[in-house]
Amino acid sequence: MSALMELAGRVASGAGLDNALDVEIEVALFEPDEKWGSIRPNARGTKVVCTGHDGSVGVFWANEWTGDRLGAVTALRARAQALITGGE
């Protein structure tokens, strides 16, 4: 089972808000843009650290993905499927 599908399973089986899961989801669904090239959790797993293409660093709260667990699971499964089929 892929890491994305395992994460989707943990999100689906949980309840309520969970910042640690929100951080994992944020990292898993990250897509580089014009400013930010990469993302990782901070050392405590409470926020995300984005690194810019110019070397700049930003520290942010993750989106509240676990407020809509069905939406988060759907997004994670779609990302997993895209990786399998080469859709990214």
C-alpha atoms as a PDB file:
ATOM      1  CA  MET A   1       0.000   0.000   0.000  1.00  0.00           C
ATOM      2  CA  SER A   2       1.371   3.398  -0.888  1.00  0.00           C
ATOM      3  CA  ALA A   3       2.186   5.940   1.786  1.00  0.00           C
ATOM      4  CA  LEU A   4      -0.571   8.194   0.422  1.00  0.00           C
ATOM      5  CA  MET A   5      -3.176   5.442   0.702  1.00  0.00           C
ATOM      6  CA  GLU A   6      -1.983   4.600   4.220  1.00  0.00           C
ATOM      7  CA  LEU A   7      -2.331   8.273   5.163  1.00  0.00           C
ATOM      8  CA  ALA A   8      -5.796   8.393   3.565  1.00  0.00           C
ATOM      9  CA  GLY A   9      -6.773   5.383   5.692  1.00  0.00           C
ATOM     10  CA  ARG A  10      -5.583   7.059   8.888  1.00  0.00           C
ATOM     11  CA  VAL A  11      -7.473  10.223   7.995  1.00  0.00           C
ATOM     12  CA  ALA A  12     -10.655   8.261   7.219  1.00  0.00           C
ATOM     13  CA  SER A  13     -10.514   6.264  10.447  1.00  0.00           C
ATOM     14  CA  GLY A  14      -9.968   9.264  12.694  1.00  0.00           C
ATOM     15  CA  ALA A  15     -12.373  11.815  14.075  1.00  0.00           C
ATOM     16  CA  GLY A  16     -12.194  15.490  14.857  1.00  0.00           C
ATOM     17  CA  LEU A  17      -9.434  17.966  14.181  1.00  0.00           C
ATOM     18  CA  ASP A  18      -5.858  16.702  14.258  1.00  0.00           C
ATOM     19  CA  ASN A  19      -3.041  19.164  13.590  1.00  0.00           C
ATOM     20  CA  ALA A  20      -0.401  16.449  13.208  1.00  0.00           C
ATOM     21  CA  LEU A  21      -2.464  14.803  10.458  1.00  0.00           C
ATOM     22  CA  ASP A  22      -3.128  18.217   8.899  1.00  0.00           C
ATOM     23  CA  VAL A  23       0.638  18.707   8.598  1.00  0.00           C
ATOM     24  CA  GLU A  24       1.105  15.269   7.017  1.00  0.00           C
ATOM     25  CA  ILE A  25      -1.707  15.935   4.541  1.00  0.00           C
ATOM     26  CA  GLU A  26      -0.359  19.385   3.680  1.00  0.00           C
ATOM     27  CA  VAL A  27       3.049  17.913   2.903  1.00  0.00           C
ATOM     28  CA  ALA A  28       1.555  15.037   0.908  1.00  0.00           C
ATOM     29  CA  LEU A  29      -0.597  17.319  -1.244  1.00  0.00           C
ATOM     30  CA  PHE A  30       1.969  20.088  -1.727  1.00  0.00           C
ATOM     31  CA  GLU A  31       2.545  21.241  -5.285  1.00  0.00           C
ATOM     32  CA  PRO A  32       5.419  23.605  -6.038  1.00  0.00           C
ATOM     33  CA  ASP A  33       4.439  27.006  -7.386  1.00  0.00           C
ATOM     34  CA  GLU A  34       6.206  30.162  -8.528  1.00  0.00           C
ATOM     35  CA  LYS A  35       7.433  30.954  -5.005  1.00  0.00           C
ATOM     36  CA  TRP A  36       7.677  27.694  -3.029  1.00  0.00           C
ATOM     37  CA  GLY A  37       9.650  24.746  -4.338  1.00  0.00           C
ATOM     38  CA  SER A  38       9.497  22.295  -1.443  1.00  0.00           C
ATOM     39  CA  ILE A  39       7.785  21.596   1.856  1.00  0.00           C
ATOM     40  CA  ARG A  40       8.494  19.569   4.985  1.00  0.00           C
ATOM     41  CA  PRO A  41       7.140  19.349   8.512  1.00  0.00           C
ATOM     42  CA  ASN A  42       8.982  21.260  11.212  1.00  0.00           C
ATOM     43  CA  ALA A  43      10.900  19.263  13.824  1.00  0.00           C
ATOM     44  CA  ARG A  44       7.861  18.941  16.108  1.00  0.00           C
ATOM     45  CA  GLY A  45       5.422  18.160  13.289  1.00  0.00           C
ATOM     46  CA  THR A  46       3.234  21.108  14.221  1.00  0.00           C
ATOM     47  CA  LYS A  47       3.791  23.392  11.222  1.00  0.00           C
ATOM     48  CA  VAL A  48       5.065  23.189   7.666  1.00  0.00           C
ATOM     49  CA  VAL A  49       8.313  24.679   6.460  1.00  0.00           C
ATOM     50  CA  CYS A  50       8.333  25.849   2.845  1.00  0.00           C
ATOM     51  CA  THR A  51      11.539  26.582   0.988  1.00  0.00           C
ATOM     52  CA  GLY A  52      11.428  29.024  -1.874  1.00  0.00           C
ATOM     53  CA  HIS A  53      13.175  28.723  -5.193  1.00  0.00           C
ATOM     54  CA  ASP A  54      15.328  31.658  -4.061  1.00  0.00           C
ATOM     55  CA  GLY A  55      16.329  29.932  -0.813  1.00  0.00           C
ATOM     56  CA  SER A  56      13.852  31.804   1.370  1.00  0.00           C
ATOM     57  CA  VAL A  57      12.093  29.881   4.128  1.00  0.00           C
ATOM     58  CA  GLY A  58       8.558  30.296   5.445  1.00  0.00           C
ATOM     59  CA  VAL A  59       6.951  28.549   8.402  1.00  0.00           C
ATOM     60  CA  PHE A  60       3.176  28.156   8.293  1.00  0.00           C
ATOM     61  CA  TRP A  61       0.271  26.418   9.961  1.00  0.00           C
ATOM     62  CA  ALA A  62      -1.104  23.630   7.790  1.00  0.00           C
ATOM     63  CA  ASN A  63      -4.571  23.967   6.335  1.00  0.00           C
ATOM     64  CA  GLU A  64      -7.226  22.384   8.538  1.00  0.00           C
ATOM     65  CA  TRP A  65      -7.659  19.285   6.374  1.00  0.00           C
ATOM     66  CA  THR A  66      -9.172  17.192   9.157  1.00  0.00           C
ATOM     67  CA  GLY A  67     -12.093  19.614   9.350  1.00  0.00           C
ATOM     68  CA  ASP A  68     -13.265  17.942   6.117  1.00  0.00           C
ATOM     69  CA  ARG A  69     -11.954  14.411   6.383  1.00  0.00           C
ATOM     70  CA  LEU A  70     -13.903  13.163   3.367  1.00  0.00           C
ATOM     71  CA  GLY A  71     -12.413  15.938   1.231  1.00  0.00           C
ATOM     72  CA  ALA A  72      -8.924  15.193   2.511  1.00  0.00           C
ATOM     73  CA  VAL A  73      -9.296  11.462   1.840  1.00  0.00           C
ATOM     74  CA  THR A  74     -10.592  12.179  -1.651  1.00  0.00           C
ATOM     75  CA  ALA A  75      -7.647  14.488  -2.389  1.00  0.00           C
ATOM     76  CA  LEU A  76      -5.103  11.983  -1.060  1.00  0.00           C
ATOM     77  CA  ARG A  77      -6.589   9.108  -3.045  1.00  0.00           C
ATOM     78  CA  ALA A  78      -6.669  11.242  -6.190  1.00  0.00           C
ATOM     79  CA  ARG A  79      -2.997  12.140  -5.701  1.00  0.00           C
ATOM     80  CA  ALA A  80      -2.128   8.468  -5.177  1.00  0.00           C
ATOM     81  CA  GLN A  81      -4.023   7.482  -8.329  1.00  0.00           C
ATOM     82  CA  ALA A  82      -2.335  10.246 -10.331  1.00  0.00           C
ATOM     83  CA  LEU A  83       1.066   9.000  -9.248  1.00  0.00           C
ATOM     84  CA  ILE A  84       0.150   5.435 -10.263  1.00  0.00           C
ATOM     85  CA  THR A  85      -1.120   6.448 -13.688  1.00  0.00           C
ATOM     86  CA  GLY A  86       1.542   9.081 -14.302  1.00  0.00           C
ATOM     87  CA  GLY A  87      -0.993  11.901 -14.246  1.00  0.00           C
ATOM     88  CA  GLU A  88       1.306  14.334 -12.460  1.00  0.00           C
END
